[in-house]
Amino acid sequence: MRLFDVYPIQDITIVKAKGSRVWDQNGQEYLDLYGGHAVISIGHTHPHWVERIKSQLDQIAFYSNSIRIPLQQELATKLGELAGKPDYQLFLCNSGAEANENALKLASFHTGRKKIIAFTKAFHGRTSLAVAATDNKNYIAPVNETENVIFLPFNDAAALSECFQKQGSEIAAVIIEGIQGVGGIHVAEDSFLQTIRSLCTQYGALYIADSVQCGYGRSGKFFSHDYAGVNADIYSMAKGMGNGFPVAGILIAPHIPAKHFQLGTTFGGNHLACAAALAVVEVIEQENLMNNALQIGNWLTEQLKQIPDLKNVRGRGLMIGFDVPAALPELKKNLLLRQHIFTGEAKPNVIRLLPSLALTQTDASKFIASLQQEIQSSSS
């Protein structure tokens, strides 16, 4: 049997990882500024994370949600405190797509409406409704096509207001990434998020803050939406929530009541997932990683802006993107194969940086030096 070929992959096998470093089967060391697609939040194989999972595995790995799992409440309490949302409710699931799927479903249940507003270049996942709200036709199968999703220009408050004026009574929710990831690191303007909040309140729709990639402290605040000074009705989370262990969830505002059987999951909130997620919350708090993400991220952004070959440096905290000029088409590839640095990308010409929130100044400086060296080498 062969694997179903859905990913273009590098011919590299990673066999060891620690902090912001990984090693391949030949012993070659790499600096990881990709974090497995923003998943590694506290560093590879963090000792507290490893011990939490090992200890839990010695007790019980899994049982269904048909019984009490005290770890879930422990996670909800600590997560609520760290996120600054202690009065919200937590529903646990397994992936970012599932989190957004449940967020959209819950919004429709709560409002009794069908229409969803999403935005250009949005990516919300690959499941049925989440992918329908994703602005990429290549991902949407015919069975996923629906007239219930309205795509509007990103950061266009006038277009959003006009849409609500015309269809406000039909709109169940507005879903938006605080910083678009797959779309190319585009930051939602604070004023735009404030407009979303105001219009959702006025028309009785729900504001869904997709924080799958831009949340969990990556921006320097727990949710990047927090920069706007408003509260969403639902926050979706995944990626960095488990530091590599599959776990996700949605935070649900207190005014949205729970009803039995509306939402459900077999594996969501299992014992191992909660242990991993608790370790992440504890390390973020104990090691002050949100502040580190902000400080190191700001330094990286300023250094990148001083490199004349790079264009449109943007982002917040340790979620950074920049445009690569046509003269350097192999920059990302060469950073990996010649400088041994993993980075992310967004087509057609964006490099994305999504490292661990524990990235050190030493490693950040190494990246800048290696980047400059590669640009000079490619330009000569």
Protein backbone atom coordinates (compact mmCIF):
# COMPACT_ATOMS: atom_id res chain seq x y z
CA MET A 1 0.00 0.00 0.00
CA ARG A 2 1.19 3.51 -0.85
CA LEU A 3 0.46 6.73 0.99
CA PHE A 4 -2.14 8.95 -0.65
CA ASP A 5 -0.01 11.70 -2.20
CA VAL A 6 -1.56 14.99 -1.01
CA TYR A 7 1.48 16.96 0.20
CA PRO A 8 4.55 18.24 -1.65
CA ILE A 9 7.25 17.23 0.83
CA GLN A 10 10.97 17.80 1.38
CA ASP A 11 13.19 14.74 1.27
CA ILE A 12 14.11 15.18 4.94
CA THR A 13 13.29 12.89 7.86
CA ILE A 14 13.33 14.54 11.28
CA VAL A 15 14.23 12.08 14.04
CA LYS A 16 14.98 14.35 17.01
CA ALA A 17 13.80 17.73 18.26
CA LYS A 18 14.57 20.03 21.17
CA GLY A 19 13.46 23.60 21.73
CA SER A 20 13.76 25.41 18.39
CA ARG A 21 16.15 22.83 16.88
CA VAL A 22 15.47 19.62 14.97
CA TRP A 23 17.84 16.96 13.58
CA ASP A 24 17.45 14.73 10.54
CA GLN A 25 18.39 11.08 10.06
CA ASN A 26 21.92 12.08 9.09
CA GLY A 27 22.51 14.15 12.21
CA GLN A 28 22.11 17.48 10.42
CA GLU A 29 20.80 20.19 12.74
CA TYR A 30 18.15 22.68 11.61
CA LEU A 31 16.75 25.85 13.16
CA ASP A 32 12.94 25.54 13.19
CA LEU A 33 11.15 28.81 12.46
CA TYR A 34 8.12 26.99 11.05
CA GLY A 35 7.08 25.14 14.20
CA GLY A 36 5.28 22.44 12.26
CA HIS A 37 2.87 25.08 10.95
CA ALA A 38 2.56 27.16 14.15
CA VAL A 39 1.96 24.04 16.25
CA ILE A 40 5.09 24.05 18.43
CA SER A 41 4.21 26.72 20.96
CA ILE A 42 6.50 25.98 23.92
CA GLY A 43 9.38 24.29 22.10
CA HIS A 44 9.92 20.75 20.87
CA THR A 45 9.88 18.05 23.59
CA HIS A 46 9.67 20.55 26.45
CA PRO A 47 10.49 18.51 29.60
CA HIS A 48 7.36 19.57 31.50
CA TRP A 49 5.17 18.67 28.50
CA VAL A 50 6.91 15.29 28.13
CA GLU A 51 6.55 14.49 31.83
CA ARG A 52 2.87 15.51 31.90
CA ILE A 53 2.06 13.11 29.04
CA LYS A 54 4.22 10.26 30.38
CA SER A 55 2.69 10.54 33.82
CA GLN A 56 -0.84 10.57 32.43
CA LEU A 57 -0.09 7.61 30.17
CA ASP A 58 0.84 5.55 33.25
CA GLN A 59 -2.64 6.22 34.68
CA ILE A 60 -5.19 6.26 31.83
CA ALA A 61 -4.85 7.39 28.24
CA PHE A 62 -8.47 7.49 27.11
CA TYR A 63 -12.05 7.09 28.06
CA SER A 64 -15.08 8.64 26.38
CA ASN A 65 -16.99 11.74 27.41
CA SER A 66 -19.66 9.54 28.94
CA ILE A 67 -17.85 9.84 32.29
CA ARG A 68 -16.38 12.73 34.28
CA ILE A 69 -12.87 13.71 33.27
CA PRO A 70 -11.62 16.16 35.94
CA LEU A 71 -8.67 17.14 33.73
CA GLN A 72 -11.13 18.89 31.43
CA GLN A 73 -12.33 21.22 34.18
CA GLU A 74 -8.75 21.80 35.34
CA LEU A 75 -7.85 22.82 31.79
CA ALA A 76 -10.93 25.03 31.46
CA THR A 77 -10.09 26.85 34.69
CA LYS A 78 -6.42 27.46 33.86
CA LEU A 79 -7.13 28.32 30.24
CA GLY A 80 -9.85 30.77 31.20
CA GLU A 81 -7.49 32.55 33.56
CA LEU A 82 -4.59 32.71 31.09
CA ALA A 83 -6.83 33.86 28.23
CA GLY A 84 -8.58 36.44 30.37
CA LYS A 85 -11.95 34.78 29.72
CA PRO A 86 -12.80 33.07 33.06
CA ASP A 87 -16.55 33.36 32.50
CA TYR A 88 -16.51 31.63 29.09
CA GLN A 89 -17.32 27.94 28.47
CA LEU A 90 -14.98 25.37 26.90
CA PHE A 91 -15.84 22.69 24.34
CA LEU A 92 -12.93 20.40 23.50
CA CYS A 93 -12.35 18.70 20.16
CA ASN A 94 -9.39 17.55 18.06
CA SER A 95 -8.36 19.96 15.27
CA GLY A 96 -8.70 23.52 14.04
CA ALA A 97 -11.11 22.54 11.29
CA GLU A 98 -13.29 20.75 13.84
CA ALA A 99 -13.15 23.76 16.15
CA ASN A 100 -14.34 26.10 13.40
CA GLU A 101 -16.94 23.59 12.22
CA ASN A 102 -18.42 23.46 15.71
CA ALA A 103 -18.21 27.23 16.12
CA LEU A 104 -20.17 27.81 12.92
CA LYS A 105 -22.66 25.08 13.76
CA LEU A 106 -23.21 26.51 17.25
CA ALA A 107 -23.76 30.00 15.81
CA SER A 108 -26.44 28.63 13.49
CA PHE A 109 -28.10 26.72 16.33
CA HIS A 110 -28.05 29.80 18.58
CA THR A 111 -29.37 32.31 16.04
CA GLY A 112 -31.59 30.02 13.97
CA ARG A 113 -29.97 31.51 10.86
CA LYS A 114 -27.95 30.13 7.92
CA LYS A 115 -25.76 32.89 6.48
CA ILE A 116 -22.06 33.17 7.37
CA ILE A 117 -19.78 36.09 6.50
CA ALA A 118 -16.14 35.23 5.74
CA PHE A 119 -13.40 37.20 4.01
CA THR A 120 -11.06 37.13 1.04
CA LYS A 121 -8.01 34.88 1.52
CA ALA A 122 -9.62 33.27 4.58
CA PHE A 123 -8.64 29.76 5.62
CA HIS A 124 -10.78 28.05 8.26
CA GLY A 125 -10.18 24.34 7.66
CA ARG A 126 -11.02 21.45 5.35
CA THR A 127 -14.21 20.03 6.85
CA SER A 128 -17.61 20.68 5.31
CA LEU A 129 -18.69 24.15 6.49
CA ALA A 130 -15.20 25.29 7.51
CA VAL A 131 -13.93 24.71 3.98
CA ALA A 132 -17.00 26.39 2.49
CA ALA A 133 -15.93 29.48 4.45
CA THR A 134 -12.37 29.15 3.09
CA ASP A 135 -11.48 31.38 0.16
CA ASN A 136 -9.75 28.82 -2.05
CA LYS A 137 -11.73 26.98 -4.72
CA ASN A 138 -9.07 24.25 -4.91
CA TYR A 139 -10.09 23.03 -1.45
CA ILE A 140 -13.86 23.06 -1.99
CA ALA A 141 -15.41 19.89 -3.40
CA PRO A 142 -18.78 20.16 -5.18
CA VAL A 143 -20.51 18.67 -2.14
CA ASN A 144 -19.11 21.51 0.01
CA GLU A 145 -20.45 24.30 -2.19
CA THR A 146 -23.14 26.39 -0.51
CA GLU A 147 -24.84 29.73 -0.98
CA ASN A 148 -24.84 30.27 2.77
CA VAL A 149 -21.33 31.77 2.89
CA ILE A 150 -20.82 35.40 1.87
CA PHE A 151 -17.24 36.45 1.07
CA LEU A 152 -16.38 40.11 1.64
CA PRO A 153 -13.14 42.08 1.23
CA PHE A 154 -10.80 41.79 4.22
CA ASN A 155 -10.56 44.96 6.35
CA ASP A 156 -13.37 46.68 4.38
CA ALA A 157 -15.75 48.07 7.00
CA ALA A 158 -17.99 49.76 4.43
CA ALA A 159 -18.64 46.49 2.56
CA LEU A 160 -19.36 44.73 5.85
CA SER A 161 -21.82 47.41 6.97
CA GLU A 162 -23.59 47.32 3.60
CA CYS A 163 -23.93 43.53 3.78
CA PHE A 164 -25.49 43.71 7.24
CA GLN A 165 -27.87 46.44 6.13
CA LYS A 166 -29.12 44.20 3.33
CA GLN A 167 -29.03 40.76 4.96
CA GLY A 168 -28.57 41.34 8.68
CA SER A 169 -31.60 39.33 9.73
CA GLU A 170 -30.21 36.26 7.92
CA ILE A 171 -26.62 36.37 9.20
CA ALA A 172 -25.72 33.82 11.86
CA ALA A 173 -22.06 34.75 12.28
CA VAL A 174 -19.00 36.56 11.05
CA ILE A 175 -15.85 34.42 11.15
CA ILE A 176 -12.44 36.06 10.88
CA GLU A 177 -8.80 35.26 11.61
CA GLY A 178 -7.16 37.95 13.73
CA ILE A 179 -4.12 37.44 11.51
CA GLN A 180 -4.65 35.45 8.32
CA GLY A 181 -2.13 32.62 8.18
CA VAL A 182 -2.50 30.56 5.01
CA GLY A 183 -3.69 33.73 3.26
CA GLY A 184 -0.28 35.31 3.75
CA ILE A 185 -0.02 36.99 7.20
CA HIS A 186 -2.58 39.77 6.86
CA VAL A 187 -3.48 41.52 10.13
CA ALA A 188 -7.11 42.39 10.78
CA GLU A 189 -7.25 46.09 11.63
CA ASP A 190 -8.37 46.84 15.17
CA SER A 191 -11.06 49.18 13.87
CA PHE A 192 -12.36 46.45 11.55
CA LEU A 193 -12.71 43.96 14.41
CA GLN A 194 -14.48 46.65 16.43
CA THR A 195 -16.89 47.14 13.53
CA ILE A 196 -17.55 43.40 13.41
CA ARG A 197 -18.33 43.41 17.13
CA SER A 198 -20.67 46.38 16.81
CA LEU A 199 -22.57 45.01 13.82
CA CYS A 200 -22.89 41.51 15.29
CA THR A 201 -24.32 43.01 18.47
CA GLN A 202 -26.70 45.26 16.53
CA TYR A 203 -28.05 42.50 14.28
CA GLY A 204 -27.94 39.57 16.70
CA ALA A 205 -25.19 37.65 14.89
CA LEU A 206 -22.19 35.97 16.54
CA TYR A 207 -18.59 37.09 16.18
CA ILE A 208 -16.34 34.03 15.72
CA ALA A 209 -12.66 34.76 16.31
CA ASP A 210 -10.68 32.13 14.43
CA SER A 211 -7.60 31.89 16.62
CA VAL A 212 -6.40 28.50 15.42
CA GLN A 213 -3.09 29.86 14.15
CA CYS A 214 -2.94 33.42 15.51
CA GLY A 215 -4.03 32.55 19.04
CA TYR A 216 -2.45 30.94 22.08
CA GLY A 217 -0.04 33.80 22.71
CA ARG A 218 1.59 33.87 19.28
CA SER A 219 0.79 37.55 18.70
CA GLY A 220 2.00 38.68 22.12
CA LYS A 221 -1.54 38.63 23.49
CA PHE A 222 -3.41 35.40 24.11
CA PHE A 223 -5.76 36.07 21.21
CA SER A 224 -4.64 38.43 18.46
CA HIS A 225 -8.22 39.72 18.46
CA ASP A 226 -7.51 41.13 21.93
CA TYR A 227 -5.58 44.01 20.36
CA ALA A 228 -8.95 45.44 19.26
CA GLY A 229 -10.21 45.59 22.84
CA VAL A 230 -13.41 43.66 22.11
CA ASN A 231 -14.73 40.23 23.06
CA ALA A 232 -15.81 37.68 20.49
CA ASP A 233 -18.73 35.35 21.12
CA ILE A 234 -16.71 32.26 20.17
CA TYR A 235 -12.94 31.73 19.93
CA SER A 236 -11.61 28.70 18.05
CA MET A 237 -8.25 27.23 19.09
CA ALA A 238 -5.93 24.43 17.99
CA LYS A 239 -2.34 24.47 16.60
CA GLY A 240 -0.25 25.54 19.62
CA MET A 241 -2.81 24.29 22.12
CA GLY A 242 -1.14 20.88 22.48
CA ASN A 243 2.42 21.63 21.28
CA GLY A 244 2.08 18.76 18.80
CA PHE A 245 -0.50 16.62 20.54
CA PRO A 246 -3.85 16.81 18.68
CA VAL A 247 -6.20 18.93 20.76
CA ALA A 248 -8.48 21.85 19.94
CA GLY A 249 -11.45 23.68 21.33
CA ILE A 250 -13.78 26.63 21.30
CA LEU A 251 -14.31 29.19 24.03
CA ILE A 252 -17.99 30.12 24.17
CA ALA A 253 -19.38 33.31 25.72
CA PRO A 254 -21.59 32.87 28.80
CA HIS A 255 -24.73 34.18 27.05
CA ILE A 256 -24.76 31.14 24.70
CA PRO A 257 -26.50 28.24 26.48
CA ALA A 258 -25.38 24.63 26.15
CA LYS A 259 -27.86 21.98 25.02
CA HIS A 260 -27.29 18.25 25.17
CA PHE A 261 -26.39 16.56 21.88
CA GLN A 262 -25.95 19.74 19.79
CA LEU A 263 -22.18 19.26 19.85
CA GLY A 264 -20.23 16.08 20.46
CA THR A 265 -16.89 14.35 20.02
CA THR A 266 -15.38 10.91 20.66
CA PHE A 267 -11.74 11.83 21.20
CA GLY A 268 -12.04 15.52 22.15
CA GLY A 269 -10.87 16.28 25.67
CA ASN A 270 -9.41 12.83 26.28
CA HIS A 271 -7.02 12.33 29.19
CA LEU A 272 -3.79 12.56 27.18
CA ALA A 273 -4.99 15.59 25.21
CA CYS A 274 -5.85 17.43 28.41
CA ALA A 275 -2.48 16.55 29.94
CA ALA A 276 -0.68 17.96 26.91
CA ALA A 277 -2.84 21.10 26.84
CA LEU A 278 -2.40 21.69 30.57
CA ALA A 279 1.38 21.45 30.17
CA VAL A 280 1.25 24.10 27.44
CA VAL A 281 -0.83 26.50 29.53
CA GLU A 282 1.45 26.00 32.52
CA VAL A 283 4.66 26.59 30.55
CA ILE A 284 3.29 29.67 28.76
CA GLU A 285 2.45 31.17 32.13
CA GLN A 286 5.53 30.05 34.07
CA GLU A 287 8.02 31.06 31.37
CA ASN A 288 6.20 34.26 30.38
CA LEU A 289 6.17 33.15 26.76
CA MET A 290 3.61 35.66 25.52
CA ASN A 291 5.96 38.47 26.49
CA ASN A 292 8.85 36.62 24.87
CA ALA A 293 6.84 36.24 21.66
CA LEU A 294 6.15 39.97 21.66
CA GLN A 295 9.72 41.05 22.40
CA ILE A 296 11.51 38.64 20.06
CA GLY A 297 8.84 39.14 17.41
CA ASN A 298 9.19 42.91 17.51
CA TRP A 299 12.98 42.59 17.23
CA LEU A 300 12.71 40.22 14.26
CA THR A 301 10.21 42.49 12.52
CA GLU A 302 12.47 45.53 12.88
CA GLN A 303 15.50 43.62 11.64
CA LEU A 304 13.58 42.30 8.62
CA LYS A 305 12.39 45.80 7.73
CA GLN A 306 16.03 46.88 7.49
CA ILE A 307 16.76 44.33 4.75
CA PRO A 308 16.04 46.23 1.51
CA ASP A 309 15.46 43.10 -0.59
CA LEU A 310 12.42 42.12 1.51
CA LYS A 311 9.09 43.83 1.02
CA ASN A 312 5.98 44.40 3.12
CA VAL A 313 7.19 42.93 6.42
CA ARG A 314 4.10 42.42 8.57
CA GLY A 315 2.55 40.53 11.46
CA ARG A 316 2.40 40.61 15.24
CA GLY A 317 4.59 38.85 17.77
CA LEU A 318 5.97 35.61 16.37
CA MET A 319 3.57 35.45 13.44
CA ILE A 320 5.51 37.29 10.75
CA GLY A 321 5.37 37.40 6.97
CA PHE A 322 7.28 39.18 4.23
CA ASP A 323 7.19 39.26 0.45
CA VAL A 324 10.08 37.71 -1.49
CA PRO A 325 11.07 39.60 -4.65
CA ALA A 326 11.08 37.89 -8.04
CA ALA A 327 14.88 38.13 -8.06
CA LEU A 328 15.05 35.64 -5.14
CA PRO A 329 12.64 32.85 -6.18
CA GLU A 330 14.63 30.14 -4.35
CA LEU A 331 15.03 31.96 -1.05
CA LYS A 332 12.83 29.67 1.07
CA LYS A 333 14.30 26.55 -0.53
CA ASN A 334 17.86 27.79 -0.03
CA LEU A 335 17.20 28.74 3.59
CA LEU A 336 16.28 25.12 4.18
CA LEU A 337 18.86 23.29 2.07
CA ARG A 338 21.86 25.62 2.43
CA GLN A 339 21.26 27.45 5.71
CA HIS A 340 19.36 24.58 7.38
CA ILE A 341 16.45 26.74 8.54
CA PHE A 342 12.79 25.72 8.29
CA THR A 343 10.34 28.49 7.37
CA GLY A 344 6.76 28.52 6.13
CA GLU A 345 5.28 30.01 3.00
CA ALA A 346 2.10 31.34 1.45
CA LYS A 347 1.73 31.25 -2.29
CA PRO A 348 2.93 32.81 -4.44
CA ASN A 349 5.78 34.72 -2.79
CA VAL A 350 5.40 35.02 0.99
CA ILE A 351 7.72 33.55 3.63
CA ARG A 352 6.03 32.98 6.98
CA LEU A 353 7.76 32.73 10.35
CA LEU A 354 5.85 30.69 12.95
CA PRO A 355 8.45 29.58 15.52
CA SER A 356 8.08 28.45 19.09
CA LEU A 357 7.00 31.21 21.46
CA ALA A 358 10.18 30.33 23.39
CA LEU A 359 12.45 31.35 20.48
CA THR A 360 15.62 32.83 21.95
CA GLN A 361 17.41 36.02 20.98
CA THR A 362 20.39 33.90 19.95
CA ASP A 363 18.32 31.85 17.51
CA ALA A 364 16.52 34.93 16.20
CA SER A 365 19.89 36.57 15.53
CA LYS A 366 21.14 33.43 13.81
CA PHE A 367 18.17 33.52 11.47
CA ILE A 368 18.73 37.16 10.51
CA ALA A 369 22.43 36.55 9.86
CA SER A 370 21.70 33.43 7.78
CA LEU A 371 18.96 35.23 5.85
CA GLN A 372 21.28 38.11 5.00
CA GLN A 373 23.99 35.68 3.97
CA GLU A 374 21.62 33.78 1.70
CA ILE A 375 20.30 36.95 0.08
CA GLN A 376 23.84 38.19 -0.59
CA SER A 377 24.85 34.80 -1.99
CA SER A 378 21.78 34.58 -4.24
CA SER A 379 22.20 38.16 -5.47
CA SER A 380 25.89 37.87 -6.36
